Each structure stands twice: as structure tokens, then as C-alpha cells.
Protein backbone atom coordinates (compact mmCIF):
# COMPACT_ATOMS: atom_id res chain seq x y z
CA MET A 1 -27.00 52.25 26.90
CA ASN A 2 -28.37 50.92 23.40
CA ASN A 3 -30.56 47.90 23.89
CA PHE A 4 -30.84 45.45 20.82
CA ILE A 5 -33.73 43.35 20.64
CA LYS A 6 -32.81 40.06 18.58
CA PRO A 7 -35.48 38.83 15.91
CA ALA A 8 -37.00 35.60 16.37
CA TYR A 9 -35.28 32.59 14.85
CA TYR A 10 -38.45 30.59 14.55
CA ILE A 11 -41.37 32.22 12.96
CA PHE A 12 -43.99 29.81 14.66
CA CYS A 13 -43.14 31.23 17.94
CA LEU A 14 -42.26 34.97 17.23
CA LEU A 15 -43.72 36.43 20.26
CA LEU A 16 -42.07 34.06 22.57
CA ALA A 17 -38.65 34.49 20.98
CA ILE A 18 -38.61 38.34 21.14
CA SER A 19 -39.68 37.79 24.92
CA VAL A 20 -36.76 35.49 25.72
CA SER A 21 -34.27 37.49 23.75
CA GLN A 22 -35.17 40.67 25.98
CA CYS A 23 -34.72 38.77 29.17
CA LYS A 24 -31.54 37.11 27.84
CA GLU A 25 -29.79 40.16 26.82
CA GLN A 26 -30.89 42.88 29.37
CA ASN A 27 -30.35 43.07 32.98
CA GLY A 28 -32.61 44.84 35.49
CA ASP A 29 -31.29 48.41 34.62
CA GLY A 30 -31.52 47.91 30.87
CA LYS A 31 -27.89 47.03 30.13
CA GLN A 32 -26.97 44.36 27.82
CA THR A 33 -25.71 41.33 29.51
CA ALA A 34 -22.14 39.60 28.45
CA THR A 35 -24.39 36.73 26.95
CA GLY A 36 -26.29 39.03 24.91
CA GLN A 37 -23.12 40.78 23.69
CA GLN A 38 -21.64 37.43 22.73
CA GLU A 39 -24.67 36.45 20.63
CA ARG A 40 -24.68 39.70 18.91
CA ASP A 41 -21.02 39.71 18.11
CA SER A 42 -21.49 36.25 16.57
CA ASN A 43 -24.75 37.34 14.66
CA GLU A 44 -22.78 40.41 13.27
CA ARG A 45 -20.22 38.28 11.78
CA SER A 46 -22.90 36.37 9.69
CA LEU A 47 -24.27 39.46 8.37
CA ALA A 48 -24.51 40.55 4.89
CA SER A 49 -22.20 43.27 3.50
CA ALA A 50 -23.78 46.81 3.44
CA THR A 51 -25.05 48.40 0.26
CA GLY A 52 -25.82 51.78 -1.02
CA THR A 53 -24.17 54.40 -3.38
CA GLU A 54 -20.78 55.38 -2.00
CA PHE A 55 -20.60 58.42 0.33
CA THR A 56 -24.51 58.66 0.88
CA TYR A 57 -26.72 57.87 3.72
CA LEU A 58 -30.57 57.10 4.01
CA ILE A 59 -32.86 59.45 5.97
CA VAL A 60 -35.67 57.52 7.04
CA VAL A 61 -38.85 59.43 8.35
CA ASP A 62 -42.79 59.02 9.08
CA ASP A 63 -45.37 60.08 6.37
CA GLU A 64 -45.89 63.36 8.33
CA LEU A 65 -42.44 64.52 7.85
CA ASN A 66 -42.37 63.53 4.14
CA THR A 67 -42.84 67.16 2.76
CA PRO A 68 -40.68 68.98 0.31
CA GLU A 69 -40.40 71.82 2.87
CA PHE A 70 -39.12 69.41 5.51
CA ARG A 71 -36.56 67.76 3.13
CA GLN A 72 -35.40 71.11 1.82
CA SER A 73 -34.77 72.18 5.53
CA LEU A 74 -32.51 68.87 6.18
CA SER A 75 -30.56 69.20 3.20
CA GLU A 76 -29.59 72.90 3.69
CA ILE A 77 -28.79 71.80 7.58
CA LEU A 78 -26.92 68.69 6.63
CA HIS A 79 -25.12 70.17 3.51
CA ASP A 80 -21.36 69.92 3.87
CA PRO A 81 -19.16 71.27 0.99
CA PHE A 82 -16.14 69.07 0.33
CA SER A 83 -13.22 71.51 0.16
CA GLY A 84 -11.74 72.04 -3.14
CA LEU A 85 -14.43 71.09 -5.54
CA VAL A 86 -15.86 73.70 -7.77
CA SER A 87 -19.03 71.82 -8.04
CA LYS A 88 -19.44 72.33 -4.08
CA GLU A 89 -20.56 68.59 -3.82
CA SER A 90 -21.73 67.57 -0.08
CA SER A 91 -18.96 65.08 1.62
CA LEU A 92 -22.22 62.69 1.98
CA LYS A 93 -25.21 63.07 0.21
CA PRO A 94 -28.80 62.09 1.62
CA SER A 95 -31.65 60.27 0.11
CA PHE A 96 -35.21 60.07 1.70
CA LEU A 97 -37.28 57.14 2.55
CA THR A 98 -40.72 56.73 4.32
CA ALA A 99 -40.42 54.30 7.50
CA ASP A 100 -43.53 52.10 6.08
CA ALA A 101 -41.22 51.37 2.97
CA PHE A 102 -38.34 50.29 5.06
CA SER A 103 -37.78 46.92 4.57
CA GLY A 104 -35.74 44.12 2.44
CA LEU A 105 -32.73 45.50 0.78
CA GLN A 106 -33.32 49.14 2.40
CA LYS A 107 -32.20 47.57 5.74
CA ARG A 108 -28.59 46.82 4.48
CA GLN A 109 -28.08 50.63 3.60
CA ALA A 110 -24.61 51.42 5.15
CA ASN A 111 -25.76 54.55 6.87
CA LEU A 112 -29.20 55.25 8.25
CA LEU A 113 -30.76 58.23 10.06
CA PHE A 114 -34.17 57.88 11.57
CA LEU A 115 -36.39 60.73 12.54
CA SER A 116 -39.57 60.86 14.34
CA SER A 117 -41.55 63.76 15.37
CA ARG A 118 -44.31 62.29 17.52
CA ALA A 119 -44.64 59.09 19.78
CA ASN A 120 -45.64 55.79 18.19
CA ASP A 121 -44.98 57.10 14.46
CA ASP A 122 -43.63 54.55 11.88
CA ALA A 123 -40.16 55.46 12.51
CA MET A 124 -40.20 55.18 16.28
CA GLY A 125 -41.96 51.69 15.82
CA VAL A 126 -38.99 50.46 13.79
CA MET A 127 -36.64 51.97 16.21
CA LEU A 128 -38.23 50.51 19.44
CA GLU A 129 -37.02 47.13 17.90
CA VAL A 130 -33.50 48.42 18.57
CA PHE A 131 -33.52 50.68 21.50
CA SER A 132 -35.51 50.59 24.86
CA GLN A 133 -38.60 52.92 25.49
CA GLU A 134 -36.45 54.37 28.44
CA SER A 135 -33.45 55.38 26.18
CA VAL A 136 -35.95 56.69 23.21
CA ALA A 137 -37.60 58.83 25.90
CA GLU A 138 -34.70 59.97 27.53
CA ALA A 139 -33.29 60.98 24.08
CA MET A 140 -36.60 62.91 23.33
CA GLU A 141 -36.42 65.05 26.63
CA GLY A 142 -32.77 65.87 26.02
CA ARG A 143 -32.80 66.26 22.27
CA GLY A 144 -30.16 63.58 21.80
CA ILE A 145 -29.00 61.28 19.39
CA LEU A 146 -29.32 57.53 19.83
CA THR A 147 -26.57 55.15 17.69
CA ASP A 148 -25.92 51.60 17.06
CA LYS A 149 -23.99 49.63 14.72
CA ASN A 150 -24.30 46.60 12.29
CA LEU A 151 -27.73 45.68 12.94
CA TRP A 152 -29.03 44.49 9.61
CA ALA A 153 -25.67 44.43 7.62
CA ARG A 154 -21.83 45.49 8.05
CA PRO A 155 -20.53 47.86 8.16
CA GLN A 156 -23.54 49.90 9.19
CA GLN A 157 -24.00 53.02 11.31
CA LEU A 158 -27.33 53.91 12.44
CA ALA A 159 -28.61 57.19 14.24
CA TYR A 160 -31.92 58.09 15.36
CA ILE A 161 -33.39 61.30 16.65
CA PRO A 162 -36.76 60.98 18.41
CA ALA A 163 -38.48 64.43 19.02
CA GLN A 164 -41.67 66.15 19.96
CA ASN A 165 -41.81 68.11 16.60
CA GLU A 166 -40.04 69.14 13.51
CA ASN A 167 -38.23 71.95 14.90
CA GLU A 168 -37.01 70.01 17.58
CA ILE A 169 -35.51 67.54 14.96
CA LEU A 170 -33.92 70.61 13.06
CA GLU A 171 -32.23 72.03 16.29
CA THR A 172 -30.85 68.75 17.22
CA LEU A 173 -29.35 68.30 13.72
CA ARG A 174 -28.12 71.83 13.69
CA GLN A 175 -26.19 70.99 17.07
CA ASN A 176 -24.96 67.55 16.29
CA LYS A 177 -24.36 67.82 12.52
CA ARG A 178 -20.32 67.59 12.50
CA LEU A 179 -20.87 64.61 14.94
CA LEU A 180 -23.18 62.85 12.90
CA LEU A 181 -21.67 63.36 9.52
CA ASN A 182 -18.19 62.39 11.05
CA MET A 183 -19.84 59.26 12.26
CA PHE A 184 -21.23 58.36 8.79
CA ASP A 185 -17.95 59.09 7.08
CA ARG A 186 -15.86 56.91 9.09
CA ASN A 187 -18.36 54.00 8.54
CA GLU A 188 -18.34 54.95 4.83
CA ARG A 189 -14.82 55.08 4.54
CA GLN A 190 -14.47 51.56 6.10
CA ARG A 191 -16.90 50.14 3.73
CA VAL A 192 -15.20 51.62 0.82
CA TYR A 193 -11.83 50.57 1.90
CA SER A 194 -13.16 46.93 1.65
CA ILE A 195 -14.41 47.47 -1.77
CA ILE A 196 -11.30 49.04 -3.02
CA TYR A 197 -9.24 46.15 -1.25
CA PRO A 198 -11.32 43.24 -1.68
CA GLU A 199 -8.28 40.97 -1.21
CA ARG A 200 -5.76 40.82 1.65
CA GLY A 201 -2.06 40.85 1.19
CA GLN A 202 0.07 42.85 -1.06
CA ASN A 203 0.50 42.64 -4.88
CA GLU A 204 3.44 43.10 -7.32
CA LYS A 205 2.74 46.91 -7.81
CA THR A 206 2.76 47.86 -4.01
CA GLU A 207 6.18 45.84 -3.81
CA GLN A 208 7.49 47.48 -6.90
CA LEU A 209 6.45 51.09 -5.37
CA ARG A 210 8.21 50.09 -2.08
CA SER A 211 11.45 49.06 -4.10
CA ALA A 212 11.60 52.30 -6.12
CA LEU A 213 10.71 54.83 -3.55
CA GLY A 214 10.98 53.33 -0.06
CA VAL A 215 7.44 53.84 0.90
CA GLN A 216 4.78 51.42 1.29
CA LEU A 217 1.41 52.50 -0.41
CA LYS A 218 -1.24 49.80 -0.88
CA ILE A 219 -2.05 49.98 -4.67
CA PRO A 220 -5.48 48.49 -5.55
CA ALA A 221 -5.22 45.46 -8.14
CA ILE A 222 -7.11 47.44 -10.77
CA TYR A 223 -4.36 50.13 -10.97
CA ARG A 224 -1.35 49.63 -13.34
CA VAL A 225 2.01 51.24 -13.44
CA ALA A 226 1.92 54.20 -15.85
CA LYS A 227 5.66 55.47 -15.40
CA GLU A 228 8.66 54.56 -13.35
CA LEU A 229 11.60 56.62 -14.04
CA SER A 230 13.91 54.43 -16.02
CA ASP A 231 16.02 56.08 -19.18
CA GLN A 232 18.55 58.91 -19.02
CA GLU A 233 16.29 61.55 -20.36
CA GLU A 234 13.63 61.17 -17.66
CA GLU A 235 16.41 61.02 -14.91
CA ASP A 236 17.62 64.48 -16.28
CA LYS A 237 13.83 65.65 -15.86
CA LEU A 238 14.16 64.31 -12.42
CA LEU A 239 17.10 66.54 -11.73
CA GLN A 240 15.43 69.62 -13.29
CA THR A 241 12.41 69.28 -11.10
CA GLY A 242 14.45 68.78 -7.77
CA LEU A 243 13.09 65.28 -7.21
CA LYS A 244 14.71 62.16 -6.02
CA THR A 245 12.17 59.61 -7.26
CA PHE A 246 8.88 59.45 -9.27
CA PHE A 247 6.11 57.15 -9.70
CA TRP A 248 2.79 57.19 -11.51
CA ILE A 249 0.03 54.67 -11.40
CA ARG A 250 -3.57 54.72 -12.91
CA ASN A 251 -6.85 53.08 -13.58
CA ASP A 252 -8.80 53.98 -16.51
CA THR A 253 -12.36 52.86 -17.48
CA ARG A 254 -14.40 53.96 -20.59
CA ASN A 255 -15.53 57.11 -18.86
CA VAL A 256 -13.15 57.79 -15.93
CA ALA A 257 -9.44 58.08 -15.38
CA ASN A 258 -7.94 58.06 -11.87
CA ASN A 259 -4.26 58.84 -11.42
CA ILE A 260 -1.85 58.79 -8.58
CA LEU A 261 1.65 60.53 -8.60
CA VAL A 262 4.09 59.52 -5.81
CA TYR A 263 7.36 61.49 -5.72
CA THR A 264 10.00 62.36 -3.14
CA GLN A 265 12.54 65.05 -2.62
CA ASP A 266 14.98 65.90 0.09
CA TYR A 267 13.66 67.99 2.84
CA THR A 268 15.84 71.30 2.93
CA SER A 269 13.39 73.88 4.43
CA GLU A 270 10.01 74.55 5.83
CA GLU A 271 9.28 76.48 2.68
CA GLN A 272 8.70 73.04 1.09
CA LEU A 273 5.59 72.71 3.05
CA THR A 274 3.96 75.84 2.05
CA GLN A 275 1.08 76.03 -0.64
CA SER A 276 3.06 78.34 -3.11
CA TYR A 277 6.26 75.92 -3.33
CA ILE A 278 3.81 72.71 -3.29
CA ILE A 279 1.75 74.02 -6.26
CA ASN A 280 4.71 75.43 -8.11
CA LEU A 281 6.37 71.91 -8.00
CA ARG A 282 3.28 70.27 -8.85
CA ASN A 283 3.17 72.21 -12.03
CA LYS A 284 6.76 71.49 -12.80
CA VAL A 285 6.25 67.63 -12.18
CA GLY A 286 2.96 67.92 -14.56
CA GLU A 287 5.18 69.68 -17.32
CA ALA A 288 7.92 67.15 -16.93
CA PHE A 289 6.03 63.81 -16.56
CA VAL A 290 2.43 64.12 -17.32
CA PRO A 291 1.70 64.82 -20.97
CA GLY A 292 -1.63 65.70 -22.61
CA PRO A 293 -3.14 64.40 -25.77
CA THR A 294 -0.66 66.27 -27.88
CA ASP A 295 2.91 66.68 -28.09
CA THR A 296 2.98 70.21 -26.56
CA SER A 297 0.28 69.62 -23.91
CA TYR A 298 0.88 68.83 -20.16
CA MET A 299 -0.92 68.92 -16.90
CA GLN A 300 -0.95 72.13 -14.95
CA THR A 301 -2.71 73.40 -11.70
CA GLU A 302 -6.00 75.45 -12.81
CA PRO A 303 -4.71 79.13 -11.83
CA ILE A 304 -8.08 80.77 -11.61
CA ILE A 305 -9.25 78.66 -8.76
CA GLU A 306 -7.12 78.75 -5.54
CA PRO A 307 -6.57 75.25 -3.74
CA ALA A 308 -8.04 74.78 -0.43
CA MET A 309 -5.36 74.21 1.95
CA SER A 310 -5.52 72.26 5.28
CA ARG A 311 -2.90 70.75 7.75
CA SER A 312 -3.30 67.37 9.45
CA THR A 313 -1.37 64.15 10.17
CA LEU A 314 -1.29 60.89 8.30
CA ASN A 315 -0.10 58.07 10.00
CA ASP A 316 1.79 60.18 12.53
CA LEU A 317 3.30 62.35 9.63
CA PRO A 318 2.57 65.88 9.32
CA VAL A 319 0.73 66.56 6.07
CA VAL A 320 -0.22 69.64 4.08
CA ILE A 321 -3.54 68.83 2.29
CA ASN A 322 -4.37 70.78 -1.18
CA ARG A 323 -7.35 70.24 -3.18
CA GLY A 324 -8.18 72.10 -6.44
CA HIS A 325 -8.40 71.69 -9.88
CA TRP A 326 -6.22 70.75 -12.84
CA ARG A 327 -6.14 71.57 -16.35
CA VAL A 328 -4.30 70.49 -19.51
CA GLU A 329 -2.19 73.35 -21.10
CA GLY A 330 -2.97 73.19 -24.77
CA ASP A 331 -6.11 71.28 -24.30
CA PHE A 332 -9.55 71.40 -22.69
CA MET A 333 -9.18 68.47 -20.26
CA GLY A 334 -9.47 69.08 -16.63
CA GLY A 335 -10.90 67.93 -13.21
CA PRO A 336 -10.20 68.00 -9.61
CA PHE A 337 -7.08 66.68 -7.72
CA THR A 338 -5.88 66.15 -4.18
CA ASN A 339 -2.44 66.67 -2.99
CA PHE A 340 -1.09 65.23 0.26
CA THR A 341 2.56 66.53 0.93
CA LEU A 342 4.04 64.66 4.15
CA LEU A 343 7.20 65.25 6.00
CA ASP A 344 9.07 62.28 6.65
CA GLU A 345 11.65 63.52 9.34
CA LYS A 346 13.07 59.99 9.69
CA ASN A 347 14.30 59.87 6.33
CA ASN A 348 14.96 63.56 5.94
CA ARG A 349 12.57 63.95 2.81
CA VAL A 350 9.29 65.18 1.78
CA ILE A 351 6.77 62.71 0.02
CA THR A 352 4.16 63.80 -2.14
CA LEU A 353 0.90 61.76 -3.15
CA ASP A 354 -0.96 63.72 -5.88
CA GLY A 355 -4.44 62.12 -7.27
CA PHE A 356 -6.08 63.54 -10.11
CA VAL A 357 -9.21 62.44 -11.85
CA TYR A 358 -10.87 62.89 -15.34
CA ALA A 359 -14.51 62.20 -15.13
CA PRO A 360 -16.67 64.42 -17.44
CA ASP A 361 -20.23 64.78 -16.49
CA GLN A 362 -20.01 62.74 -13.23
CA ALA A 363 -19.90 63.65 -9.78
CA LYS A 364 -16.21 64.00 -8.77
CA LEU A 365 -16.56 63.50 -4.93
CA PRO A 366 -16.61 59.62 -4.62
CA PHE A 367 -13.48 59.52 -6.96
CA ILE A 368 -11.50 61.92 -4.85
CA LYS A 369 -12.57 60.31 -1.51
CA ARG A 370 -11.38 57.01 -2.98
CA LEU A 371 -7.89 58.38 -3.81
CA GLU A 372 -7.89 59.70 -0.29
CA ILE A 373 -8.60 56.42 1.15
CA ILE A 374 -5.64 54.67 -1.04
CA PHE A 375 -3.36 57.74 0.27
CA SER A 376 -4.41 56.75 4.09
CA THR A 377 -2.57 53.36 3.41
CA LEU A 378 0.99 54.87 3.39
CA LYS A 379 3.74 53.89 5.33
CA VAL A 380 7.29 54.94 5.44
CA GLU A 381 10.37 52.67 6.09
């Protein structure tokens, strides 16, 4: 059980306040009392928003661990390539800080990993303000990970590995890599969701999509409608591609273009959920509806790079996920895409969410992950 020690509210009685806080929040077996939990919940609501570059986490270590060799070992163990990206970007990118520099804005980082390799080093000193000595000793003995949330900001995820030496730290990370990264990823998606959707409620574009396609997808306010089928020529293209409906929204800045295509088709066979069918349909849609910078150019899937495919569920709907790279036929533009093809058995249809990004000379992963967070808001009627 994590034992959280409250900061003193009055500077002139710091030591007394900490002592009283400990007595108030812990009972005889080191567990937090109901009163302590209520106070903590109240404090969490008043915390500042967590900060940090999106999809990153901060590793805090003692000076003794702050060596190029140890950082390299950590990076190799924790590297987690995001499927479908040629750049092999890690799903979460670490940065490093020594414990003696951990103060001020650094405490508001969204995802924190503390590592200590000996008793009473600087990293452990910080963590003993969060966890009891008993729980730290137990974790050190059993090569475990201590976790807590929303200590100095929200949403914030903290993990701590106390160990006897560097090798024990590295071994604990090897054994718990997936658990640790999934924990940080969940917290980061929660944080980025609140950035994408700073305001509650639906906007007119969300309602426009619902009315046109019969699906609810929470469209961020910064996106605009690029294309909704209207005239006869486009309806003819719709028939040629085998689609029932088509919708295109996008967000453009000076250096980045984020695009989301939403299209549906009647469900007729399981073949529609195979990779070859999905990519072939994607190319038909690109040629029909996504023009390039010239009259004869259009978007296609890059054939040299095979998309990475996986299967999952999204809001109880079976989904086939393909991530790969797109290019413009007749031009030099290109970038990553993520394609979610879902089976909506209730309405006997297949729904496709296809997001693609143009972001030359920039890391691509944050944009793709943002698109997939938007995809996660899908609901069918």
C-alpha cells in the first residue's frame, strides 16, 4: 500500500505538520485512513495540470547512475518501436534528470520513473516523501515497482524502482517493461485527450458527421470539414468504390497536415476485414477522393512498405488496425497513416477510420497517436 506524506501547509511549522500528517493518514499497519484519502482526493482536485512533451516520460536518477553507459542500457531495454513507422520511433520517449535537480516545474511532468541503486541516495530521498520505508524495503528485496498517481500534478503517473545496484534495476525493468510502459501510455493518452478536447460537449462538425454517416466521432474544434459527398459526380465515384458514405476532415498548420477519412460500406463477407481488401479499398478511396497537388496526382498506400496489421476491439466493436505509409502518385509527398476498419454487426456495415499525416522533418508518432485518440471516441447508433 502506498503511503503518501502530505506537504506542510505552514512553513513556520514544517516538521510538526509532516508529523501530524503522517499520524492522520496512516494507521498502525501503514495503510492510509479514510480521512487521509478524503484529504488527498481534495488536494488532487486542486493540482495544476501535468506538463511535458507529449508521449514522453522523465527518468530521475541519482548522480551515481547518471552515466552514458547506464542511460544507454536503459534506452535499449525500454525502447518500444511503434508498429508501422519506418522511423522506428519508440511508443514513449524517455529523458533523464538527476534527483538533485528535481524541483519546480519538473515535478509537474506527467510521467515519472525514479531509480535508486543504493540506500539513502538522492532519488530515494525524494521517494521516501511518498512511500513508507517499509514498502521501499519490501520492493528493494523483491525487485518490485512502487506506483502512485497525481502527487504534484494531474494526470500524473509515478513509478519507483529501488534496488541494491544497477544490475538489479536493469533486471527489474526487463521483467516489468510492458507493465511500466502501458501504465505511462494510459496516463499520457488521458492527458493528451484533455488537450485535444479542452471543452466539453459536441460541436457542429461532430453533429454533421453523425447526421451524414450515422456514427458519432468527437471531432476536435480545430478540424474543418474538407469534403462531404454532395454532387452527382462524387456520388458516382462513391458507387464505383463500393462505399455508402464518405466524410473527410482535416487540420492544417504551417508545417503539418492531419487528415481523417471516415467511410462506410455494406458488410457482405469476412474478406472485407482482410488486410489485402482493406488496403485495396484504401487505394480506391485515395484515387477517387484525395487529390494531390496536381490534377493527375492522388494518394495511395506505399507498396514497398508492408503495413503492420493487428486485431483488437474499439468500444466493443471488432477492429482491424493497419499502420503504414502513404504516398502521392505523381508527386513526392508522403507520410504515415493509421487505418481502423470496424465491423458494425448491428447495422450490417463496415466502418473505416483512416488517419494520415504530412509532417516533413518532424517526429511522426505524436500525430499518429493523436489521431488514434480521436478514433477512440467512435460510437455507433
